[in-house]
Amino acid sequence: MNKLARKTVFSAFAAMALTFAVVTMTRPSEAAYFQSAKSLFAQKCSVCHANDGTGNTAKGKELKVRNWRTDPEVKKMSDAKMVEITMKGKGKMEGYEKTLGKEKVEILIAYSKTLMGK
């Protein structure tokens, strides 16, 4: 192998190693991501929606929160619609656009979908 070919192979290998290091160091593990989403849900949503999404809390019953596990309207709702409702609020539910931002709201929706069995 000539000198130019060795440099090219070495450069390609170095670039792949750097990419791998950056991706694995900056991307949280799936378990950490799930735990973060679960914690955020517990802080912001569970008072009304309950930890399991059933709405079976005193506040949830007072506000007539829908059971995400059984309500067909909620189950067929698109991610975009859920993000919109969570960002802007609906009825007596406050919006979280200013306090959480879109990225964290999307994390909440992804976690909420696990509670719906989706």
N, C-alpha and C. Protein backbone atom coordinates (compact mmCIF):
# COMPACT_ATOMS: atom_id res chain seq x y z
N MET A 1 0.86 -1.17 0.00
CA MET A 1 0.00 0.00 0.00
C MET A 1 0.90 1.23 0.00
N ASN A 2 0.59 2.16 -0.88
CA ASN A 2 1.44 3.35 -0.95
C ASN A 2 1.10 4.32 0.17
N LYS A 3 1.89 5.34 0.29
CA LYS A 3 1.77 6.31 1.39
C LYS A 3 0.42 7.04 1.35
N LEU A 4 -0.03 7.45 0.17
CA LEU A 4 -1.29 8.17 0.03
C LEU A 4 -2.46 7.28 0.44
N ALA A 5 -2.44 6.02 0.05
CA ALA A 5 -3.51 5.08 0.40
C ALA A 5 -3.55 4.87 1.91
N ARG A 6 -2.37 4.75 2.55
CA ARG A 6 -2.32 4.58 4.01
C ARG A 6 -2.90 5.80 4.72
N LYS A 7 -2.56 6.99 4.24
CA LYS A 7 -3.09 8.22 4.85
C LYS A 7 -4.61 8.27 4.70
N THR A 8 -5.12 7.89 3.55
CA THR A 8 -6.56 7.91 3.30
C THR A 8 -7.28 6.93 4.22
N VAL A 9 -6.74 5.72 4.33
CA VAL A 9 -7.34 4.71 5.20
C VAL A 9 -7.29 5.17 6.66
N PHE A 10 -6.15 5.71 7.07
CA PHE A 10 -6.01 6.19 8.44
C PHE A 10 -6.99 7.34 8.72
N SER A 11 -7.12 8.27 7.79
CA SER A 11 -8.04 9.40 7.96
C SER A 11 -9.48 8.93 8.07
N ALA A 12 -9.85 7.97 7.24
CA ALA A 12 -11.22 7.44 7.29
C ALA A 12 -11.47 6.74 8.62
N PHE A 13 -10.50 5.96 9.08
CA PHE A 13 -10.64 5.26 10.36
C PHE A 13 -10.75 6.27 11.50
N ALA A 14 -9.92 7.29 11.48
CA ALA A 14 -9.95 8.32 12.54
C ALA A 14 -11.30 9.04 12.55
N ALA A 15 -11.83 9.35 11.38
CA ALA A 15 -13.12 10.02 11.30
C ALA A 15 -14.23 9.13 11.86
N MET A 16 -14.20 7.84 11.54
CA MET A 16 -15.22 6.92 12.06
C MET A 16 -15.10 6.80 13.57
N ALA A 17 -13.89 6.72 14.09
CA ALA A 17 -13.69 6.60 15.54
C ALA A 17 -14.19 7.85 16.25
N LEU A 18 -13.92 9.02 15.69
CA LEU A 18 -14.37 10.27 16.29
C LEU A 18 -15.90 10.34 16.27
N THR A 19 -16.51 9.97 15.16
CA THR A 19 -17.97 9.97 15.06
C THR A 19 -18.58 9.04 16.09
N PHE A 20 -18.03 7.85 16.22
CA PHE A 20 -18.53 6.89 17.20
C PHE A 20 -18.43 7.46 18.61
N ALA A 21 -17.30 8.07 18.93
CA ALA A 21 -17.10 8.64 20.26
C ALA A 21 -18.10 9.75 20.55
N VAL A 22 -18.31 10.63 19.60
CA VAL A 22 -19.25 11.74 19.79
C VAL A 22 -20.67 11.22 19.97
N VAL A 23 -21.08 10.29 19.13
CA VAL A 23 -22.44 9.76 19.21
C VAL A 23 -22.66 9.04 20.53
N THR A 24 -21.75 8.20 20.93
CA THR A 24 -21.96 7.43 22.16
C THR A 24 -21.83 8.29 23.41
N MET A 25 -21.06 9.35 23.34
CA MET A 25 -20.89 10.20 24.51
C MET A 25 -22.02 11.22 24.64
N THR A 26 -22.63 11.65 23.57
CA THR A 26 -23.65 12.68 23.65
C THR A 26 -25.07 12.14 23.68
N ARG A 27 -25.28 10.94 23.25
CA ARG A 27 -26.61 10.35 23.22
C ARG A 27 -26.86 9.59 24.51
N PRO A 28 -27.90 9.98 25.27
CA PRO A 28 -28.16 9.25 26.51
C PRO A 28 -28.63 7.83 26.18
N SER A 29 -28.38 6.93 27.10
CA SER A 29 -28.84 5.57 26.88
C SER A 29 -30.36 5.56 26.86
N GLU A 30 -30.92 4.54 26.27
CA GLU A 30 -32.38 4.43 26.19
C GLU A 30 -32.99 4.41 27.59
N ALA A 31 -32.36 3.73 28.52
CA ALA A 31 -32.88 3.66 29.89
C ALA A 31 -32.85 5.04 30.56
N ALA A 32 -31.76 5.79 30.34
CA ALA A 32 -31.65 7.12 30.92
C ALA A 32 -32.69 8.06 30.31
N TYR A 33 -32.89 7.95 29.00
CA TYR A 33 -33.88 8.77 28.31
C TYR A 33 -35.27 8.47 28.85
N PHE A 34 -35.61 7.19 28.99
CA PHE A 34 -36.91 6.78 29.52
C PHE A 34 -37.10 7.30 30.94
N GLN A 35 -36.07 7.18 31.77
CA GLN A 35 -36.16 7.63 33.16
C GLN A 35 -36.35 9.14 33.23
N SER A 36 -35.67 9.87 32.35
CA SER A 36 -35.81 11.32 32.29
C SER A 36 -37.24 11.72 31.91
N ALA A 37 -37.79 11.04 30.91
CA ALA A 37 -39.15 11.31 30.46
C ALA A 37 -40.15 10.96 31.57
N LYS A 38 -39.93 9.85 32.23
CA LYS A 38 -40.82 9.42 33.31
C LYS A 38 -40.80 10.43 34.46
N SER A 39 -39.63 10.93 34.78
CA SER A 39 -39.49 11.93 35.84
C SER A 39 -40.19 13.23 35.47
N LEU A 40 -40.02 13.67 34.23
CA LEU A 40 -40.68 14.89 33.76
C LEU A 40 -42.19 14.71 33.80
N PHE A 41 -42.67 13.55 33.39
CA PHE A 41 -44.11 13.26 33.43
C PHE A 41 -44.61 13.32 34.88
N ALA A 42 -43.87 12.73 35.79
CA ALA A 42 -44.27 12.73 37.20
C ALA A 42 -44.38 14.15 37.74
N GLN A 43 -43.45 15.02 37.32
CA GLN A 43 -43.45 16.41 37.80
C GLN A 43 -44.58 17.24 37.21
N LYS A 44 -44.83 17.08 35.92
CA LYS A 44 -45.73 17.99 35.22
C LYS A 44 -47.13 17.44 34.93
N CYS A 45 -47.28 16.15 34.84
CA CYS A 45 -48.54 15.58 34.31
C CYS A 45 -49.30 14.68 35.27
N SER A 46 -48.58 13.99 36.14
CA SER A 46 -49.23 12.93 36.91
C SER A 46 -50.26 13.42 37.92
N VAL A 47 -50.20 14.67 38.33
CA VAL A 47 -51.20 15.18 39.28
C VAL A 47 -52.60 15.03 38.71
N CYS A 48 -52.73 15.28 37.42
CA CYS A 48 -54.05 15.15 36.76
C CYS A 48 -54.20 13.83 36.02
N HIS A 49 -53.17 13.41 35.30
CA HIS A 49 -53.28 12.24 34.44
C HIS A 49 -52.91 10.94 35.13
N ALA A 50 -52.40 11.00 36.34
CA ALA A 50 -51.94 9.84 37.12
C ALA A 50 -50.68 9.26 36.50
N ASN A 51 -49.92 8.54 37.26
CA ASN A 51 -48.67 7.96 36.77
C ASN A 51 -48.89 6.96 35.64
N ASP A 52 -50.10 6.42 35.55
CA ASP A 52 -50.38 5.41 34.53
C ASP A 52 -51.24 5.93 33.37
N GLY A 53 -51.57 7.22 33.37
CA GLY A 53 -52.34 7.81 32.28
C GLY A 53 -53.85 7.60 32.37
N THR A 54 -54.31 7.05 33.48
CA THR A 54 -55.75 6.78 33.61
C THR A 54 -56.55 8.00 34.04
N GLY A 55 -55.88 9.00 34.59
CA GLY A 55 -56.59 10.17 35.11
C GLY A 55 -57.24 9.89 36.45
N ASN A 56 -56.87 8.78 37.07
CA ASN A 56 -57.46 8.35 38.33
C ASN A 56 -56.77 9.02 39.51
N THR A 57 -56.92 10.34 39.58
CA THR A 57 -56.43 11.13 40.71
C THR A 57 -57.56 12.06 41.12
N ALA A 58 -57.46 12.67 42.29
CA ALA A 58 -58.50 13.60 42.73
C ALA A 58 -58.63 14.75 41.73
N LYS A 59 -57.52 15.32 41.31
CA LYS A 59 -57.54 16.43 40.35
C LYS A 59 -58.03 15.94 38.99
N GLY A 60 -57.61 14.77 38.58
CA GLY A 60 -58.04 14.20 37.30
C GLY A 60 -59.54 13.97 37.26
N LYS A 61 -60.08 13.48 38.36
CA LYS A 61 -61.53 13.25 38.43
C LYS A 61 -62.28 14.58 38.42
N GLU A 62 -61.75 15.55 39.15
CA GLU A 62 -62.37 16.88 39.20
C GLU A 62 -62.43 17.52 37.80
N LEU A 63 -61.37 17.35 37.04
CA LEU A 63 -61.28 17.95 35.70
C LEU A 63 -61.83 17.05 34.60
N LYS A 64 -62.28 15.85 34.99
CA LYS A 64 -62.81 14.86 34.03
C LYS A 64 -61.77 14.53 32.95
N VAL A 65 -60.57 14.24 33.42
CA VAL A 65 -59.46 13.87 32.52
C VAL A 65 -59.77 12.52 31.91
N ARG A 66 -59.49 12.40 30.63
CA ARG A 66 -59.75 11.13 29.92
C ARG A 66 -58.72 10.07 30.28
N ASN A 67 -59.17 8.84 30.26
CA ASN A 67 -58.28 7.70 30.48
C ASN A 67 -57.58 7.39 29.16
N TRP A 68 -56.28 7.62 29.11
CA TRP A 68 -55.53 7.41 27.88
C TRP A 68 -55.52 5.95 27.44
N ARG A 69 -55.68 5.05 28.36
CA ARG A 69 -55.62 3.62 28.03
C ARG A 69 -56.88 3.13 27.32
N THR A 70 -58.00 3.80 27.60
CA THR A 70 -59.27 3.29 27.07
C THR A 70 -60.02 4.25 26.16
N ASP A 71 -59.74 5.52 26.21
CA ASP A 71 -60.48 6.50 25.42
C ASP A 71 -60.08 6.43 23.94
N PRO A 72 -61.00 6.05 23.07
CA PRO A 72 -60.65 5.89 21.65
C PRO A 72 -60.22 7.20 20.98
N GLU A 73 -60.79 8.31 21.42
CA GLU A 73 -60.41 9.61 20.84
C GLU A 73 -58.95 9.96 21.14
N VAL A 74 -58.53 9.67 22.34
CA VAL A 74 -57.14 9.93 22.72
C VAL A 74 -56.21 8.97 21.98
N LYS A 75 -56.60 7.71 21.91
CA LYS A 75 -55.76 6.71 21.25
C LYS A 75 -55.51 7.00 19.78
N LYS A 76 -56.50 7.61 19.10
CA LYS A 76 -56.32 7.89 17.68
C LYS A 76 -55.68 9.26 17.41
N MET A 77 -55.43 10.03 18.45
CA MET A 77 -54.86 11.36 18.30
C MET A 77 -53.42 11.29 17.78
N SER A 78 -53.10 12.13 16.84
CA SER A 78 -51.74 12.15 16.29
C SER A 78 -50.75 12.75 17.28
N ASP A 79 -49.49 12.43 17.09
CA ASP A 79 -48.44 13.02 17.91
C ASP A 79 -48.46 14.54 17.81
N ALA A 80 -48.64 15.04 16.59
CA ALA A 80 -48.65 16.49 16.36
C ALA A 80 -49.77 17.16 17.16
N LYS A 81 -50.94 16.53 17.20
CA LYS A 81 -52.07 17.09 17.95
C LYS A 81 -51.78 17.06 19.45
N MET A 82 -51.18 15.98 19.91
CA MET A 82 -50.85 15.88 21.33
C MET A 82 -49.81 16.93 21.72
N VAL A 83 -48.84 17.14 20.85
CA VAL A 83 -47.82 18.18 21.11
C VAL A 83 -48.50 19.55 21.17
N GLU A 84 -49.38 19.80 20.22
CA GLU A 84 -50.09 21.09 20.17
C GLU A 84 -50.87 21.33 21.46
N ILE A 85 -51.63 20.34 21.90
CA ILE A 85 -52.42 20.47 23.13
C ILE A 85 -51.52 20.71 24.33
N THR A 86 -50.43 19.97 24.40
CA THR A 86 -49.52 20.10 25.54
C THR A 86 -48.81 21.45 25.52
N MET A 87 -48.48 21.92 24.33
CA MET A 87 -47.80 23.22 24.22
C MET A 87 -48.76 24.38 24.54
N LYS A 88 -49.95 24.33 23.98
CA LYS A 88 -50.89 25.46 24.08
C LYS A 88 -51.86 25.33 25.26
N GLY A 89 -52.10 24.09 25.71
CA GLY A 89 -53.09 23.86 26.75
C GLY A 89 -54.45 23.59 26.13
N LYS A 90 -55.36 23.10 26.95
CA LYS A 90 -56.71 22.82 26.48
C LYS A 90 -57.63 22.81 27.68
N GLY A 91 -58.75 23.52 27.57
CA GLY A 91 -59.66 23.60 28.71
C GLY A 91 -58.93 24.19 29.91
N LYS A 92 -58.95 23.47 31.02
CA LYS A 92 -58.28 23.95 32.23
C LYS A 92 -56.81 23.54 32.30
N MET A 93 -56.37 22.76 31.31
CA MET A 93 -54.97 22.34 31.30
C MET A 93 -54.09 23.49 30.81
N GLU A 94 -53.07 23.80 31.58
CA GLU A 94 -52.14 24.85 31.18
C GLU A 94 -51.26 24.38 30.03
N GLY A 95 -50.77 25.31 29.26
CA GLY A 95 -49.83 24.99 28.19
C GLY A 95 -48.41 25.02 28.72
N TYR A 96 -47.55 24.23 28.12
CA TYR A 96 -46.17 24.14 28.59
C TYR A 96 -45.15 24.66 27.57
N GLU A 97 -45.62 25.41 26.59
CA GLU A 97 -44.73 25.92 25.55
C GLU A 97 -43.61 26.79 26.13
N LYS A 98 -43.96 27.70 27.02
CA LYS A 98 -42.96 28.63 27.56
C LYS A 98 -42.09 27.99 28.63
N THR A 99 -42.66 27.11 29.43
CA THR A 99 -41.89 26.54 30.54
C THR A 99 -41.04 25.34 30.15
N LEU A 100 -41.51 24.55 29.17
CA LEU A 100 -40.76 23.35 28.79
C LEU A 100 -40.14 23.45 27.40
N GLY A 101 -40.81 24.09 26.48
CA GLY A 101 -40.33 24.13 25.11
C GLY A 101 -40.73 22.88 24.36
N LYS A 102 -40.59 22.94 23.04
CA LYS A 102 -41.08 21.86 22.19
C LYS A 102 -40.34 20.55 22.40
N GLU A 103 -39.03 20.59 22.58
CA GLU A 103 -38.26 19.35 22.73
C GLU A 103 -38.71 18.53 23.94
N LYS A 104 -38.89 19.19 25.08
CA LYS A 104 -39.32 18.46 26.28
C LYS A 104 -40.77 18.01 26.16
N VAL A 105 -41.59 18.81 25.49
CA VAL A 105 -42.99 18.39 25.27
C VAL A 105 -43.01 17.14 24.40
N GLU A 106 -42.17 17.09 23.39
CA GLU A 106 -42.11 15.89 22.54
C GLU A 106 -41.66 14.68 23.33
N ILE A 107 -40.76 14.87 24.28
CA ILE A 107 -40.32 13.78 25.16
C ILE A 107 -41.50 13.30 26.01
N LEU A 108 -42.29 14.25 26.52
CA LEU A 108 -43.47 13.89 27.31
C LEU A 108 -44.47 13.09 26.47
N ILE A 109 -44.67 13.51 25.24
CA ILE A 109 -45.62 12.81 24.38
C ILE A 109 -45.13 11.39 24.08
N ALA A 110 -43.85 11.26 23.79
CA ALA A 110 -43.29 9.92 23.54
C ALA A 110 -43.50 9.01 24.75
N TYR A 111 -43.27 9.54 25.94
CA TYR A 111 -43.47 8.75 27.16
C TYR A 111 -44.97 8.46 27.34
N SER A 112 -45.81 9.45 27.11
CA SER A 112 -47.25 9.27 27.27
C SER A 112 -47.76 8.13 26.38
N LYS A 113 -47.21 8.03 25.19
CA LYS A 113 -47.62 6.97 24.27
C LYS A 113 -47.34 5.59 24.86
N THR A 114 -46.29 5.46 25.67
CA THR A 114 -46.02 4.16 26.29
C THR A 114 -47.12 3.81 27.29
N LEU A 115 -47.72 4.84 27.89
CA LEU A 115 -48.81 4.60 28.84
C LEU A 115 -50.10 4.20 28.14
N MET A 116 -50.20 4.60 26.87
CA MET A 116 -51.40 4.28 26.08
C MET A 116 -51.30 2.92 25.43
N GLY A 117 -50.13 2.31 25.53
CA GLY A 117 -49.94 1.03 24.87
C GLY A 117 -49.65 1.17 23.39
N LYS A 118 -49.16 2.34 22.99
CA LYS A 118 -48.83 2.57 21.58
C LYS A 118 -47.36 2.36 21.33
